[in-house]
Structure formats: C-alpha cells, structure tokens
Amino acid sequence: MGADDLPQGVVNVTGHDDDAGLPCLCKACLPHAASTAEAAGMQFQRSFAVTGTRVLHFWMLAELAGDERNVRASVAEALATRLARRRS
C-alpha cells in the first residue's frame, strides 16, 4: 500500500518540522515532498504507518526498504501507544 492508497478519512498526525534536515511531511507540506531524500550523506525514502484513522508519515533509511513492512508495524505500534496515552 502506497500513500496514494490510504483509505478516505485518515488524519495525518505528522507535525510540521522544518529543521530536521529532511523535507517536512505534515499535511500542508506532504504534497510537495519527494518520495526520496538525502541528509548527512544517507539516503531516505518516504513511508507511513496507519493506526485506526490516524496516519504518521516519516522518513525511513533507504537501506531498510526490504524490511519496510516491519518498520511500519513498529511505528504504528508506537503511534497507537502514544495516542492511547493522550486519551488517558
């Protein structure tokens, strides 16, 4: 599933970040961000994790592309934990 295949109604919870050395992936900046980027001599590719109706877009090291499914699952689990803490 690519970012273009996300279900209708998911909310991008990615905060605006313009000082991370990588392009911002917040709702406003995401449409202008490339699918790959380089920072500090490392290659990154754009990815995302979905938890319920929330999506978090993030930069993943390109060398982890073969393990993207597990990286997404890990990020989704961390996002779910964080969202649950905010509700309590």
PDB file of N, CA and C in Angstrom:
ATOM      1  N   MET A   1       0.857  -1.180   0.000  1.00  0.00           N
ATOM      2  CA  MET A   1       0.000   0.000   0.000  1.00  0.00           C
ATOM      3  C   MET A   1       0.895   1.231   0.000  1.00  0.00           C
ATOM      4  N   GLY A   2       0.657   2.089  -0.957  1.00  0.00           N
ATOM      5  CA  GLY A   2       1.385   3.345  -1.013  1.00  0.00           C
ATOM      6  C   GLY A   2       0.569   4.457  -0.384  1.00  0.00           C
ATOM      7  N   ALA A   3       1.188   5.588  -0.165  1.00  0.00           N
ATOM      8  CA  ALA A   3       0.495   6.721   0.457  1.00  0.00           C
ATOM      9  C   ALA A   3      -0.715   7.158  -0.363  1.00  0.00           C
ATOM     10  N   ASP A   4      -0.684   6.958  -1.670  1.00  0.00           N
ATOM     11  CA  ASP A   4      -1.824   7.321  -2.511  1.00  0.00           C
ATOM     12  C   ASP A   4      -3.003   6.374  -2.316  1.00  0.00           C
ATOM     13  N   ASP A   5      -2.748   5.210  -1.700  1.00  0.00           N
ATOM     14  CA  ASP A   5      -3.785   4.202  -1.489  1.00  0.00           C
ATOM     15  C   ASP A   5      -4.394   4.255  -0.094  1.00  0.00           C
ATOM     16  N   LEU A   6      -4.077   5.298   0.676  1.00  0.00           N
ATOM     17  CA  LEU A   6      -4.620   5.391   2.033  1.00  0.00           C
ATOM     18  C   LEU A   6      -6.134   5.510   1.983  1.00  0.00           C
ATOM     19  N   PRO A   7      -6.821   4.882   2.950  1.00  0.00           N
ATOM     20  CA  PRO A   7      -8.278   4.978   2.978  1.00  0.00           C
ATOM     21  C   PRO A   7      -8.752   6.417   3.173  1.00  0.00           C
ATOM     22  N   GLN A   8      -9.936   6.708   2.680  1.00  0.00           N
ATOM     23  CA  GLN A   8     -10.542   8.027   2.872  1.00  0.00           C
ATOM     24  C   GLN A   8     -10.721   8.280   4.364  1.00  0.00           C
ATOM     25  N   GLY A   9     -10.547   9.507   4.780  1.00  0.00           N
ATOM     26  CA  GLY A   9     -10.844   9.876   6.155  1.00  0.00           C
ATOM     27  C   GLY A   9      -9.711   9.719   7.150  1.00  0.00           C
ATOM     28  N   VAL A  10      -8.548   9.196   6.735  1.00  0.00           N
ATOM     29  CA  VAL A  10      -7.446   9.119   7.694  1.00  0.00           C
ATOM     30  C   VAL A  10      -6.889  10.516   7.922  1.00  0.00           C
ATOM     31  N   VAL A  11      -6.451  10.762   9.134  1.00  0.00           N
ATOM     32  CA  VAL A  11      -5.949  12.077   9.536  1.00  0.00           C
ATOM     33  C   VAL A  11      -4.435  12.014   9.668  1.00  0.00           C
ATOM     34  N   ASN A  12      -3.740  12.901   8.971  1.00  0.00           N
ATOM     35  CA  ASN A  12      -2.287  12.979   9.056  1.00  0.00           C
ATOM     36  C   ASN A  12      -1.916  13.659  10.374  1.00  0.00           C
ATOM     37  N   VAL A  13      -1.281  12.907  11.262  1.00  0.00           N
ATOM     38  CA  VAL A  13      -0.892  13.457  12.570  1.00  0.00           C
ATOM     39  C   VAL A  13       0.569  13.896  12.595  1.00  0.00           C
ATOM     40  N   THR A  14       1.210  13.910  11.442  1.00  0.00           N
ATOM     41  CA  THR A  14       2.596  14.331  11.348  1.00  0.00           C
ATOM     42  C   THR A  14       2.686  15.836  11.589  1.00  0.00           C
ATOM     43  N   GLY A  15       3.462  16.234  12.566  1.00  0.00           N
ATOM     44  CA  GLY A  15       3.624  17.649  12.875  1.00  0.00           C
ATOM     45  C   GLY A  15       4.571  18.328  11.906  1.00  0.00           C
ATOM     46  N   HIS A  16       4.419  19.634  11.762  1.00  0.00           N
ATOM     47  CA  HIS A  16       5.299  20.400  10.885  1.00  0.00           C
ATOM     48  C   HIS A  16       6.696  20.445  11.492  1.00  0.00           C
ATOM     49  N   ASP A  17       7.704  20.180  10.658  1.00  0.00           N
ATOM     50  CA  ASP A  17       9.089  20.163  11.121  1.00  0.00           C
ATOM     51  C   ASP A  17       9.977  20.674  10.005  1.00  0.00           C
ATOM     52  N   ASP A  18      10.472  21.887  10.147  1.00  0.00           N
ATOM     53  CA  ASP A  18      11.316  22.444   9.091  1.00  0.00           C
ATOM     54  C   ASP A  18      12.780  22.549   9.473  1.00  0.00           C
ATOM     55  N   ASP A  19      13.164  21.857  10.553  1.00  0.00           N
ATOM     56  CA  ASP A  19      14.573  21.921  10.948  1.00  0.00           C
ATOM     57  C   ASP A  19      15.197  20.536  11.135  1.00  0.00           C
ATOM     58  N   ALA A  20      14.618  19.524  10.527  1.00  0.00           N
ATOM     59  CA  ALA A  20      15.104  18.155  10.706  1.00  0.00           C
ATOM     60  C   ALA A  20      16.145  17.743   9.668  1.00  0.00           C
ATOM     61  N   GLY A  21      16.420  18.583   8.691  1.00  0.00           N
ATOM     62  CA  GLY A  21      17.368  18.217   7.651  1.00  0.00           C
ATOM     63  C   GLY A  21      16.738  17.416   6.528  1.00  0.00           C
ATOM     64  N   LEU A  22      15.467  17.038   6.691  1.00  0.00           N
ATOM     65  CA  LEU A  22      14.708  16.334   5.666  1.00  0.00           C
ATOM     66  C   LEU A  22      13.430  17.121   5.409  1.00  0.00           C
ATOM     67  N   PRO A  23      12.852  16.982   4.230  1.00  0.00           N
ATOM     68  CA  PRO A  23      11.613  17.709   3.961  1.00  0.00           C
ATOM     69  C   PRO A  23      10.510  17.338   4.962  1.00  0.00           C
ATOM     70  N   CYS A  24       9.711  18.320   5.303  1.00  0.00           N
ATOM     71  CA  CYS A  24       8.594  18.124   6.217  1.00  0.00           C
ATOM     72  C   CYS A  24       7.525  17.265   5.542  1.00  0.00           C
ATOM     73  N   LEU A  25       6.844  16.427   6.337  1.00  0.00           N
ATOM     74  CA  LEU A  25       5.795  15.559   5.813  1.00  0.00           C
ATOM     75  C   LEU A  25       4.440  15.831   6.460  1.00  0.00           C
ATOM     76  N   CYS A  26       4.263  17.046   7.003  1.00  0.00           N
ATOM     77  CA  CYS A  26       2.961  17.396   7.585  1.00  0.00           C
ATOM     78  C   CYS A  26       1.927  17.490   6.460  1.00  0.00           C
ATOM     79  N   LYS A  27       0.671  17.658   6.816  1.00  0.00           N
ATOM     80  CA  LYS A  27      -0.418  17.701   5.842  1.00  0.00           C
ATOM     81  C   LYS A  27      -0.184  18.758   4.758  1.00  0.00           C
ATOM     82  N   ALA A  28       0.277  19.934   5.151  1.00  0.00           N
ATOM     83  CA  ALA A  28       0.474  21.016   4.189  1.00  0.00           C
ATOM     84  C   ALA A  28       1.683  20.782   3.285  1.00  0.00           C
ATOM     85  N   CYS A  29       2.741  20.188   3.833  1.00  0.00           N
ATOM     86  CA  CYS A  29       3.986  20.022   3.078  1.00  0.00           C
ATOM     87  C   CYS A  29       4.055  18.709   2.285  1.00  0.00           C
ATOM     88  N   LEU A  30       3.317  17.700   2.715  1.00  0.00           N
ATOM     89  CA  LEU A  30       3.392  16.369   2.104  1.00  0.00           C
ATOM     90  C   LEU A  30       3.216  16.376   0.586  1.00  0.00           C
ATOM     91  N   PRO A  31       2.248  17.096   0.032  1.00  0.00           N
ATOM     92  CA  PRO A  31       2.078  17.057  -1.432  1.00  0.00           C
ATOM     93  C   PRO A  31       3.296  17.557  -2.210  1.00  0.00           C
ATOM     94  N   HIS A  32       4.151  18.338  -1.572  1.00  0.00           N
ATOM     95  CA  HIS A  32       5.325  18.901  -2.250  1.00  0.00           C
ATOM     96  C   HIS A  32       6.603  18.108  -1.979  1.00  0.00           C
ATOM     97  N   ALA A  33       6.536  17.131  -1.083  1.00  0.00           N
ATOM     98  CA  ALA A  33       7.726  16.358  -0.709  1.00  0.00           C
ATOM     99  C   ALA A  33       7.985  15.243  -1.720  1.00  0.00           C
ATOM    100  N   ALA A  34       9.237  15.067  -2.067  1.00  0.00           N
ATOM    101  CA  ALA A  34       9.622  13.977  -2.958  1.00  0.00           C
ATOM    102  C   ALA A  34       9.485  12.646  -2.221  1.00  0.00           C
ATOM    103  N   SER A  35       9.576  11.555  -2.943  1.00  0.00           N
ATOM    104  CA  SER A  35       9.472  10.239  -2.311  1.00  0.00           C
ATOM    105  C   SER A  35      10.801   9.778  -1.723  1.00  0.00           C
ATOM    106  N   THR A  36      11.891  10.449  -2.107  1.00  0.00           N
ATOM    107  CA  THR A  36      13.206  10.139  -1.552  1.00  0.00           C
ATOM    108  C   THR A  36      13.918  11.442  -1.190  1.00  0.00           C
ATOM    109  N   ALA A  37      14.891  11.321  -0.303  1.00  0.00           N
ATOM    110  CA  ALA A  37      15.665  12.494   0.112  1.00  0.00           C
ATOM    111  C   ALA A  37      17.019  12.017   0.621  1.00  0.00           C
ATOM    112  N   GLU A  38      17.935  12.968   0.763  1.00  0.00           N
ATOM    113  CA  GLU A  38      19.261  12.671   1.301  1.00  0.00           C
ATOM    114  C   GLU A  38      19.574  13.685   2.390  1.00  0.00           C
ATOM    115  N   ALA A  39      20.165  13.190   3.461  1.00  0.00           N
ATOM    116  CA  ALA A  39      20.598  14.061   4.555  1.00  0.00           C
ATOM    117  C   ALA A  39      21.799  13.418   5.221  1.00  0.00           C
ATOM    118  N   ALA A  40      22.783  14.231   5.535  1.00  0.00           N
ATOM    119  CA  ALA A  40      24.001  13.761   6.212  1.00  0.00           C
ATOM    120  C   ALA A  40      24.623  12.564   5.493  1.00  0.00           C
ATOM    121  N   GLY A  41      24.550  12.565   4.170  1.00  0.00           N
ATOM    122  CA  GLY A  41      25.144  11.501   3.376  1.00  0.00           C
ATOM    123  C   GLY A  41      24.364  10.200   3.376  1.00  0.00           C
ATOM    124  N   MET A  42      23.153  10.209   3.932  1.00  0.00           N
ATOM    125  CA  MET A  42      22.326   8.996   3.975  1.00  0.00           C
ATOM    126  C   MET A  42      21.106   9.180   3.084  1.00  0.00           C
ATOM    127  N   GLN A  43      20.676   8.099   2.465  1.00  0.00           N
ATOM    128  CA  GLN A  43      19.506   8.106   1.607  1.00  0.00           C
ATOM    129  C   GLN A  43      18.273   7.695   2.409  1.00  0.00           C
ATOM    130  N   PHE A  44      17.172   8.384   2.189  1.00  0.00           N
ATOM    131  CA  PHE A  44      15.915   8.101   2.881  1.00  0.00           C
ATOM    132  C   PHE A  44      14.803   7.934   1.861  1.00  0.00           C
ATOM    133  N   GLN A  45      13.796   7.183   2.244  1.00  0.00           N
ATOM    134  CA  GLN A  45      12.590   7.099   1.435  1.00  0.00           C
ATOM    135  C   GLN A  45      11.395   7.372   2.330  1.00  0.00           C
ATOM    136  N   ARG A  46      10.377   7.947   1.738  1.00  0.00           N
ATOM    137  CA  ARG A  46       9.177   8.300   2.476  1.00  0.00           C
ATOM    138  C   ARG A  46       8.381   7.033   2.786  1.00  0.00           C
ATOM    139  N   SER A  47       7.816   6.980   3.986  1.00  0.00           N
ATOM    140  CA  SER A  47       6.961   5.866   4.371  1.00  0.00           C
ATOM    141  C   SER A  47       5.874   6.403   5.290  1.00  0.00           C
ATOM    142  N   PHE A  48       5.020   5.525   5.759  1.00  0.00           N
ATOM    143  CA  PHE A  48       3.944   5.939   6.653  1.00  0.00           C
ATOM    144  C   PHE A  48       3.473   4.739   7.460  1.00  0.00           C
ATOM    145  N   ALA A  49       2.785   5.022   8.564  1.00  0.00           N
ATOM    146  CA  ALA A  49       2.187   3.985   9.398  1.00  0.00           C
ATOM    147  C   ALA A  49       0.770   4.421   9.734  1.00  0.00           C
ATOM    148  N   VAL A  50      -0.153   3.469   9.716  1.00  0.00           N
ATOM    149  CA  VAL A  50      -1.560   3.757   9.989  1.00  0.00           C
ATOM    150  C   VAL A  50      -1.983   3.046  11.268  1.00  0.00           C
ATOM    151  N   THR A  51      -2.668   3.793  12.119  1.00  0.00           N
ATOM    152  CA  THR A  51      -3.275   3.247  13.329  1.00  0.00           C
ATOM    153  C   THR A  51      -4.702   3.779  13.381  1.00  0.00           C
ATOM    154  N   GLY A  52      -5.676   2.900  13.186  1.00  0.00           N
ATOM    155  CA  GLY A  52      -7.069   3.338  13.169  1.00  0.00           C
ATOM    156  C   GLY A  52      -7.292   4.341  12.057  1.00  0.00           C
ATOM    157  N   THR A  53      -7.692   5.544  12.429  1.00  0.00           N
ATOM    158  CA  THR A  53      -7.939   6.599  11.438  1.00  0.00           C
ATOM    159  C   THR A  53      -6.818   7.629  11.404  1.00  0.00           C
ATOM    160  N   ARG A  54      -5.675   7.287  11.977  1.00  0.00           N
ATOM    161  CA  ARG A  54      -4.530   8.200  12.029  1.00  0.00           C
ATOM    162  C   ARG A  54      -3.387   7.655  11.179  1.00  0.00           C
ATOM    163  N   VAL A  55      -2.693   8.560  10.493  1.00  0.00           N
ATOM    164  CA  VAL A  55      -1.528   8.174   9.707  1.00  0.00           C
ATOM    165  C   VAL A  55      -0.369   9.091  10.089  1.00  0.00           C
ATOM    166  N   LEU A  56       0.796   8.486  10.233  1.00  0.00           N
ATOM    167  CA  LEU A  56       2.023   9.221  10.517  1.00  0.00           C
ATOM    168  C   LEU A  56       2.971   8.981   9.358  1.00  0.00           C
ATOM    169  N   HIS A  57       3.339  10.045   8.659  1.00  0.00           N
ATOM    170  CA  HIS A  57       4.309   9.958   7.570  1.00  0.00           C
ATOM    171  C   HIS A  57       5.692  10.193   8.162  1.00  0.00           C
ATOM    172  N   PHE A  58       6.674   9.432   7.687  1.00  0.00           N
ATOM    173  CA  PHE A  58       8.026   9.557   8.233  1.00  0.00           C
ATOM    174  C   PHE A  58       9.056   9.185   7.173  1.00  0.00           C
ATOM    175  N   TRP A  59      10.289   9.607   7.422  1.00  0.00           N
ATOM    176  CA  TRP A  59      11.417   9.249   6.566  1.00  0.00           C
ATOM    177  C   TRP A  59      12.078   8.001   7.128  1.00  0.00           C
ATOM    178  N   MET A  60      12.321   7.026   6.265  1.00  0.00           N
ATOM    179  CA  MET A  60      12.939   5.763   6.648  1.00  0.00           C
ATOM    180  C   MET A  60      14.254   5.624   5.877  1.00  0.00           C
ATOM    181  N   LEU A  61      15.279   5.134   6.531  1.00  0.00           N
ATOM    182  CA  LEU A  61      16.531   4.890   5.819  1.00  0.00           C
ATOM    183  C   LEU A  61      16.275   3.973   4.625  1.00  0.00           C
ATOM    184  N   ALA A  62      16.774   4.339   3.474  1.00  0.00           N
ATOM    185  CA  ALA A  62      16.552   3.562   2.249  1.00  0.00           C
ATOM    186  C   ALA A  62      17.068   2.133   2.393  1.00  0.00           C
ATOM    187  N   GLU A  63      18.117   1.948   3.176  1.00  0.00           N
ATOM    188  CA  GLU A  63      18.669   0.600   3.331  1.00  0.00           C
ATOM    189  C   GLU A  63      17.710  -0.343   4.061  1.00  0.00           C
ATOM    190  N   LEU A  64      16.654   0.190   4.667  1.00  0.00           N
ATOM    191  CA  LEU A  64      15.654  -0.640   5.349  1.00  0.00           C
ATOM    192  C   LEU A  64      14.463  -0.967   4.450  1.00  0.00           C
ATOM    193  N   ALA A  65      14.537  -0.608   3.179  1.00  0.00           N
ATOM    194  CA  ALA A  65      13.410  -0.808   2.256  1.00  0.00           C
ATOM    195  C   ALA A  65      12.927  -2.256   2.238  1.00  0.00           C
ATOM    196  N   GLY A  66      13.816  -3.192   2.329  1.00  0.00           N
ATOM    197  CA  GLY A  66      13.432  -4.608   2.326  1.00  0.00           C
ATOM    198  C   GLY A  66      12.685  -5.027   3.581  1.00  0.00           C
ATOM    199  N   ASP A  67      12.757  -4.219   4.609  1.00  0.00           N
ATOM    200  CA  ASP A  67      12.100  -4.515   5.879  1.00  0.00           C
ATOM    201  C   ASP A  67      11.009  -3.484   6.188  1.00  0.00           C
ATOM    202  N   GLU A  68      10.530  -2.787   5.162  1.00  0.00           N
ATOM    203  CA  GLU A  68       9.576  -1.698   5.363  1.00  0.00           C
ATOM    204  C   GLU A  68       8.321  -2.151   6.103  1.00  0.00           C
ATOM    205  N   ARG A  69       7.850  -3.338   5.827  1.00  0.00           N
ATOM    206  CA  ARG A  69       6.638  -3.830   6.499  1.00  0.00           C
ATOM    207  C   ARG A  69       6.824  -3.853   8.013  1.00  0.00           C
ATOM    208  N   ASN A  70       7.963  -4.352   8.459  1.00  0.00           N
ATOM    209  CA  ASN A  70       8.237  -4.415   9.900  1.00  0.00           C
ATOM    210  C   ASN A  70       8.472  -3.030  10.494  1.00  0.00           C
ATOM    211  N   VAL A  71       9.124  -2.160   9.742  1.00  0.00           N
ATOM    212  CA  VAL A  71       9.344  -0.791  10.218  1.00  0.00           C
ATOM    213  C   VAL A  71       7.995  -0.099  10.393  1.00  0.00           C
ATOM    214  N   ARG A  72       7.121  -0.231   9.411  1.00  0.00           N
ATOM    215  CA  ARG A  72       5.785   0.375   9.512  1.00  0.00           C
ATOM    216  C   ARG A  72       5.015  -0.171  10.704  1.00  0.00           C
ATOM    217  N   ALA A  73       5.095  -1.480  10.912  1.00  0.00           N
ATOM    218  CA  ALA A  73       4.385  -2.101  12.042  1.00  0.00           C
ATOM    219  C   ALA A  73       4.910  -1.567  13.367  1.00  0.00           C
ATOM    220  N   SER A  74       6.211  -1.398  13.474  1.00  0.00           N
ATOM    221  CA  SER A  74       6.813  -0.869  14.696  1.00  0.00           C
ATOM    222  C   SER A  74       6.387   0.568  14.953  1.00  0.00           C
ATOM    223  N   VAL A  75       6.404   1.391  13.897  1.00  0.00           N
ATOM    224  CA  VAL A  75       5.993   2.785  14.035  1.00  0.00           C
ATOM    225  C   VAL A  75       4.504   2.855  14.373  1.00  0.00           C
ATOM    226  N   ALA A  76       3.685   2.024  13.741  1.00  0.00           N
ATOM    227  CA  ALA A  76       2.248   2.008  14.022  1.00  0.00           C
ATOM    228  C   ALA A  76       1.987   1.629  15.480  1.00  0.00           C
ATOM    229  N   GLU A  77       2.729   0.673  15.997  1.00  0.00           N
ATOM    230  CA  GLU A  77       2.573   0.269  17.401  1.00  0.00           C
ATOM    231  C   GLU A  77       2.947   1.417  18.339  1.00  0.00           C
ATOM    232  N   ALA A  78       4.046   2.094  18.052  1.00  0.00           N
ATOM    233  CA  ALA A  78       4.466   3.229  18.883  1.00  0.00           C
ATOM    234  C   ALA A  78       3.442   4.363  18.802  1.00  0.00           C
ATOM    235  N   LEU A  79       2.891   4.601  17.613  1.00  0.00           N
ATOM    236  CA  LEU A  79       1.878   5.636  17.447  1.00  0.00           C
ATOM    237  C   LEU A  79       0.623   5.283  18.240  1.00  0.00           C
ATOM    238  N   ALA A  80       0.189   4.045  18.167  1.00  0.00           N
ATOM    239  CA  ALA A  80      -1.004   3.612  18.913  1.00  0.00           C
ATOM    240  C   ALA A  80      -0.801   3.789  20.411  1.00  0.00           C
ATOM    241  N   THR A  81       0.370   3.457  20.906  1.00  0.00           N
ATOM    242  CA  THR A  81       0.691   3.622  22.325  1.00  0.00           C
ATOM    243  C   THR A  81       0.633   5.087  22.718  1.00  0.00           C
ATOM    244  N   ARG A  82       1.230   5.928  21.899  1.00  0.00           N
ATOM    245  CA  ARG A  82       1.231   7.363  22.203  1.00  0.00           C
ATOM    246  C   ARG A  82      -0.179   7.951  22.178  1.00  0.00           C
ATOM    247  N   LEU A  83      -0.968   7.558  21.184  1.00  0.00           N
ATOM    248  CA  LEU A  83      -2.338   8.058  21.110  1.00  0.00           C
ATOM    249  C   LEU A  83      -3.176   7.582  22.302  1.00  0.00           C
ATOM    250  N   ALA A  84      -2.946   6.358  22.730  1.00  0.00           N
ATOM    251  CA  ALA A  84      -3.682   5.813  23.883  1.00  0.00           C
ATOM    252  C   ALA A  84      -3.331   6.581  25.142  1.00  0.00           C
ATOM    253  N   ARG A  85      -2.073   6.952  25.309  1.00  0.00           N
ATOM    254  CA  ARG A  85      -1.649   7.741  26.485  1.00  0.00           C
ATOM    255  C   ARG A  85      -2.304   9.106  26.494  1.00  0.00           C
ATOM    256  N   ARG A  86      -2.474   9.698  25.323  1.00  0.00           N
ATOM    257  CA  ARG A  86      -3.095  11.025  25.233  1.00  0.00           C
ATOM    258  C   ARG A  86      -4.571  10.967  25.627  1.00  0.00           C
ATOM    259  N   ARG A  87      -5.210   9.811  25.396  1.00  0.00           N
ATOM    260  CA  ARG A  87      -6.626   9.668  25.740  1.00  0.00           C
ATOM    261  C   ARG A  87      -6.837   9.422  27.221  1.00  0.00           C
ATOM    262  N   SER A  88      -5.806   8.929  27.909  1.00  0.00           N
ATOM    263  CA  SER A  88      -5.992   8.617  29.335  1.00  0.00           C
ATOM    264  C   SER A  88      -5.663   9.781  30.227  1.00  0.00           C
TER     265      SER A  88
END
